[in-house]
Every structure is written in C-alpha cells, then in structure tokens.
Amino acid sequence: MILPTKHINFSQSLLGLGSYVLLQLQSPKSIDELWEKYEVDYENRIYLAKHSFDNLIMTLLFLYSIGSVLEKDGVIKKCV
C-alpha cells in the first residue's frame, strides 16, 4: 500500500498521501491541523481517496524515515 499498484491508484497509496502532506507543509503544522485539512479537502473532493488517521501517521513515519519531514515540539516541518 506504500506504492501504487494496478489495483491501488496513486492517491490511495501512502506515497500519494505523502505528496499531499508535503504540499500542505508550506508552513509547519501539527498532526491535528494536517488531519483537519485532509478531512476538509476530502469532503470538498479536492483529495479523492479516503484515508484513515492511521494512514496519515504511517505516511508521516515514511516521510520522516526518508528525511522529508522533521518533528519538533509537536510541529511537523518539511525539510529543505
């Protein structure tokens, strides 16, 4: 589920959710702010795939492990 397959499109994969998260991190945000923004975008059909909060956490862990985001004092920042 990290990568898209023939049965999972890009927006349904964690990699796709990761690209969405990185776009949202133009300014640092908390996990709650990221989740609230995702829920609004999903309801307004800006982001088409339904994800759980667990998927957001796994996506942030994935992005952290590849050095794309940092966390300090509960705030997530995109690495330059």
N, C-alpha and C. Protein backbone atom coordinates (compact mmCIF):
# COMPACT_ATOMS: atom_id res chain seq x y z
N MET A 1 0.80 -1.19 0.00
CA MET A 1 0.00 0.00 0.00
C MET A 1 0.85 1.26 0.00
N ILE A 2 2.15 1.14 0.23
CA ILE A 2 3.00 2.33 0.16
C ILE A 2 3.05 2.84 -1.27
N LEU A 3 3.24 1.94 -2.21
CA LEU A 3 3.31 2.32 -3.62
C LEU A 3 2.03 1.96 -4.35
N PRO A 4 1.70 2.70 -5.40
CA PRO A 4 0.52 2.34 -6.19
C PRO A 4 0.75 1.03 -6.94
N THR A 5 -0.31 0.29 -7.20
CA THR A 5 -0.25 -0.93 -8.00
C THR A 5 -1.36 -0.85 -9.03
N LYS A 6 -1.58 -1.94 -9.75
CA LYS A 6 -2.66 -1.91 -10.73
C LYS A 6 -4.03 -1.88 -10.06
N HIS A 7 -4.10 -2.23 -8.77
CA HIS A 7 -5.37 -2.21 -8.05
C HIS A 7 -5.49 -1.03 -7.09
N ILE A 8 -4.40 -0.32 -6.87
CA ILE A 8 -4.40 0.85 -5.97
C ILE A 8 -3.83 2.02 -6.76
N ASN A 9 -4.63 3.07 -6.93
CA ASN A 9 -4.10 4.22 -7.67
C ASN A 9 -3.24 5.09 -6.77
N PHE A 10 -2.60 6.09 -7.35
CA PHE A 10 -1.62 6.90 -6.63
C PHE A 10 -2.23 7.57 -5.40
N SER A 11 -3.40 8.15 -5.52
CA SER A 11 -3.98 8.87 -4.39
C SER A 11 -4.37 7.95 -3.24
N GLN A 12 -4.57 6.66 -3.52
CA GLN A 12 -4.91 5.71 -2.47
C GLN A 12 -3.68 5.16 -1.76
N SER A 13 -2.50 5.37 -2.32
CA SER A 13 -1.27 4.85 -1.72
C SER A 13 -0.72 5.82 -0.68
N LEU A 14 0.14 5.33 0.19
CA LEU A 14 0.77 6.19 1.17
C LEU A 14 1.72 7.17 0.50
N LEU A 15 2.31 6.78 -0.61
CA LEU A 15 3.17 7.68 -1.36
C LEU A 15 2.36 8.86 -1.89
N GLY A 16 1.16 8.59 -2.39
CA GLY A 16 0.29 9.66 -2.86
C GLY A 16 -0.15 10.57 -1.72
N LEU A 17 -0.50 9.99 -0.59
CA LEU A 17 -0.86 10.79 0.58
C LEU A 17 0.34 11.61 1.04
N GLY A 18 1.53 11.03 0.92
CA GLY A 18 2.75 11.75 1.28
C GLY A 18 2.96 12.98 0.42
N SER A 19 2.67 12.88 -0.86
CA SER A 19 2.81 14.06 -1.74
C SER A 19 1.81 15.13 -1.34
N TYR A 20 0.61 14.72 -0.96
CA TYR A 20 -0.41 15.67 -0.48
C TYR A 20 0.08 16.35 0.80
N VAL A 21 0.62 15.57 1.74
CA VAL A 21 1.09 16.11 3.02
C VAL A 21 2.21 17.13 2.77
N LEU A 22 3.15 16.79 1.89
CA LEU A 22 4.25 17.72 1.62
C LEU A 22 3.74 19.03 1.03
N LEU A 23 2.71 18.97 0.21
CA LEU A 23 2.11 20.20 -0.33
C LEU A 23 1.49 21.04 0.77
N GLN A 24 0.93 20.39 1.79
CA GLN A 24 0.29 21.11 2.89
C GLN A 24 1.30 21.71 3.85
N LEU A 25 2.54 21.25 3.80
CA LEU A 25 3.56 21.71 4.75
C LEU A 25 4.36 22.90 4.22
N GLN A 26 3.69 23.81 3.50
CA GLN A 26 4.36 25.05 3.09
C GLN A 26 4.72 25.85 4.34
N SER A 27 3.92 25.70 5.37
CA SER A 27 4.24 26.23 6.69
C SER A 27 4.08 25.07 7.68
N PRO A 28 4.85 25.07 8.77
CA PRO A 28 4.77 23.97 9.74
C PRO A 28 3.36 23.82 10.30
N LYS A 29 2.97 22.57 10.51
CA LYS A 29 1.63 22.26 11.04
C LYS A 29 1.71 21.11 12.04
N SER A 30 0.72 21.06 12.92
CA SER A 30 0.60 19.92 13.83
C SER A 30 -0.08 18.78 13.08
N ILE A 31 -0.04 17.60 13.65
CA ILE A 31 -0.71 16.45 13.05
C ILE A 31 -2.22 16.70 12.98
N ASP A 32 -2.75 17.31 14.03
CA ASP A 32 -4.19 17.60 14.04
C ASP A 32 -4.57 18.56 12.91
N GLU A 33 -3.74 19.57 12.67
CA GLU A 33 -4.02 20.52 11.58
C GLU A 33 -3.97 19.82 10.23
N LEU A 34 -3.00 18.93 10.05
CA LEU A 34 -2.91 18.17 8.79
C LEU A 34 -4.15 17.31 8.59
N TRP A 35 -4.59 16.64 9.65
CA TRP A 35 -5.76 15.77 9.56
C TRP A 35 -7.02 16.57 9.26
N GLU A 36 -7.20 17.69 9.94
CA GLU A 36 -8.37 18.53 9.70
C GLU A 36 -8.40 19.04 8.26
N LYS A 37 -7.24 19.47 7.74
CA LYS A 37 -7.15 19.95 6.36
C LYS A 37 -7.47 18.83 5.38
N TYR A 38 -6.94 17.63 5.66
CA TYR A 38 -7.24 16.48 4.80
C TYR A 38 -8.74 16.19 4.78
N GLU A 39 -9.38 16.17 5.95
CA GLU A 39 -10.82 15.87 6.02
C GLU A 39 -11.64 16.90 5.23
N VAL A 40 -11.27 18.17 5.33
CA VAL A 40 -11.97 19.21 4.57
C VAL A 40 -11.76 19.00 3.07
N ASP A 41 -10.51 18.74 2.67
CA ASP A 41 -10.21 18.52 1.24
C ASP A 41 -10.90 17.27 0.71
N TYR A 42 -11.01 16.23 1.53
CA TYR A 42 -11.70 15.02 1.10
C TYR A 42 -13.20 15.29 0.92
N GLU A 43 -13.79 15.97 1.87
CA GLU A 43 -15.22 16.27 1.77
C GLU A 43 -15.54 17.19 0.60
N ASN A 44 -14.62 18.10 0.26
CA ASN A 44 -14.81 19.01 -0.87
C ASN A 44 -14.29 18.43 -2.19
N ARG A 45 -13.92 17.15 -2.15
CA ARG A 45 -13.43 16.42 -3.34
C ARG A 45 -12.17 17.03 -3.95
N ILE A 46 -11.35 17.65 -3.11
CA ILE A 46 -10.05 18.14 -3.58
C ILE A 46 -9.06 16.99 -3.57
N TYR A 47 -9.13 16.14 -2.53
CA TYR A 47 -8.35 14.91 -2.48
C TYR A 47 -9.35 13.76 -2.54
N LEU A 48 -9.21 12.88 -3.51
CA LEU A 48 -10.26 11.92 -3.84
C LEU A 48 -10.24 10.62 -3.04
N ALA A 49 -9.12 10.23 -2.49
CA ALA A 49 -9.02 8.93 -1.81
C ALA A 49 -9.28 9.08 -0.31
N LYS A 50 -10.03 8.13 0.23
CA LYS A 50 -10.31 8.10 1.67
C LYS A 50 -9.18 7.41 2.40
N HIS A 51 -8.64 8.06 3.42
CA HIS A 51 -7.58 7.50 4.26
C HIS A 51 -7.99 7.60 5.72
N SER A 52 -7.43 6.75 6.53
CA SER A 52 -7.66 6.79 7.96
C SER A 52 -6.58 7.64 8.63
N PHE A 53 -6.82 7.98 9.89
CA PHE A 53 -5.81 8.71 10.66
C PHE A 53 -4.54 7.87 10.78
N ASP A 54 -4.70 6.55 10.90
CA ASP A 54 -3.54 5.65 10.95
C ASP A 54 -2.69 5.77 9.69
N ASN A 55 -3.34 5.91 8.53
CA ASN A 55 -2.59 6.08 7.29
C ASN A 55 -1.80 7.39 7.30
N LEU A 56 -2.37 8.44 7.88
CA LEU A 56 -1.63 9.69 7.98
C LEU A 56 -0.40 9.51 8.85
N ILE A 57 -0.54 8.81 9.96
CA ILE A 57 0.60 8.57 10.85
C ILE A 57 1.66 7.74 10.12
N MET A 58 1.25 6.68 9.41
CA MET A 58 2.21 5.86 8.67
C MET A 58 2.89 6.67 7.58
N THR A 59 2.15 7.56 6.94
CA THR A 59 2.73 8.43 5.91
C THR A 59 3.76 9.36 6.50
N LEU A 60 3.45 9.95 7.65
CA LEU A 60 4.42 10.83 8.31
C LEU A 60 5.66 10.06 8.74
N LEU A 61 5.47 8.84 9.21
CA LEU A 61 6.61 7.99 9.57
C LEU A 61 7.47 7.69 8.34
N PHE A 62 6.82 7.38 7.23
CA PHE A 62 7.52 7.13 5.97
C PHE A 62 8.30 8.38 5.54
N LEU A 63 7.65 9.54 5.57
CA LEU A 63 8.32 10.78 5.17
C LEU A 63 9.48 11.12 6.09
N TYR A 64 9.33 10.84 7.38
CA TYR A 64 10.41 11.07 8.34
C TYR A 64 11.58 10.13 8.05
N SER A 65 11.27 8.88 7.74
CA SER A 65 12.33 7.89 7.52
C SER A 65 13.15 8.18 6.26
N ILE A 66 12.57 8.87 5.30
CA ILE A 66 13.34 9.22 4.10
C ILE A 66 13.87 10.64 4.17
N GLY A 67 13.71 11.29 5.31
CA GLY A 67 14.29 12.61 5.54
C GLY A 67 13.54 13.77 4.90
N SER A 68 12.25 13.60 4.67
CA SER A 68 11.47 14.67 4.03
C SER A 68 10.80 15.60 5.03
N VAL A 69 10.56 15.11 6.26
CA VAL A 69 9.94 15.95 7.28
C VAL A 69 10.69 15.79 8.60
N LEU A 70 10.53 16.78 9.45
CA LEU A 70 11.06 16.76 10.81
C LEU A 70 9.94 17.10 11.77
N GLU A 71 10.06 16.63 13.00
CA GLU A 71 9.09 16.95 14.04
C GLU A 71 9.82 17.58 15.21
N LYS A 72 9.30 18.69 15.71
CA LYS A 72 9.86 19.30 16.91
C LYS A 72 8.74 19.96 17.68
N ASP A 73 8.60 19.59 18.93
CA ASP A 73 7.57 20.15 19.83
C ASP A 73 6.18 19.99 19.26
N GLY A 74 5.91 18.84 18.62
CA GLY A 74 4.57 18.56 18.09
C GLY A 74 4.24 19.23 16.78
N VAL A 75 5.22 19.85 16.15
CA VAL A 75 5.01 20.53 14.88
C VAL A 75 5.82 19.82 13.80
N ILE A 76 5.17 19.56 12.67
CA ILE A 76 5.80 18.88 11.54
C ILE A 76 6.28 19.95 10.56
N LYS A 77 7.54 19.83 10.14
CA LYS A 77 8.12 20.76 9.17
C LYS A 77 8.67 19.98 7.99
N LYS A 78 8.56 20.57 6.83
CA LYS A 78 9.16 19.97 5.63
C LYS A 78 10.65 20.31 5.62
N CYS A 79 11.49 19.31 5.31
CA CYS A 79 12.93 19.55 5.20
C CYS A 79 13.22 20.27 3.89
N VAL A 80 14.21 21.10 3.91
CA VAL A 80 14.57 21.86 2.71
C VAL A 80 15.39 21.02 1.77
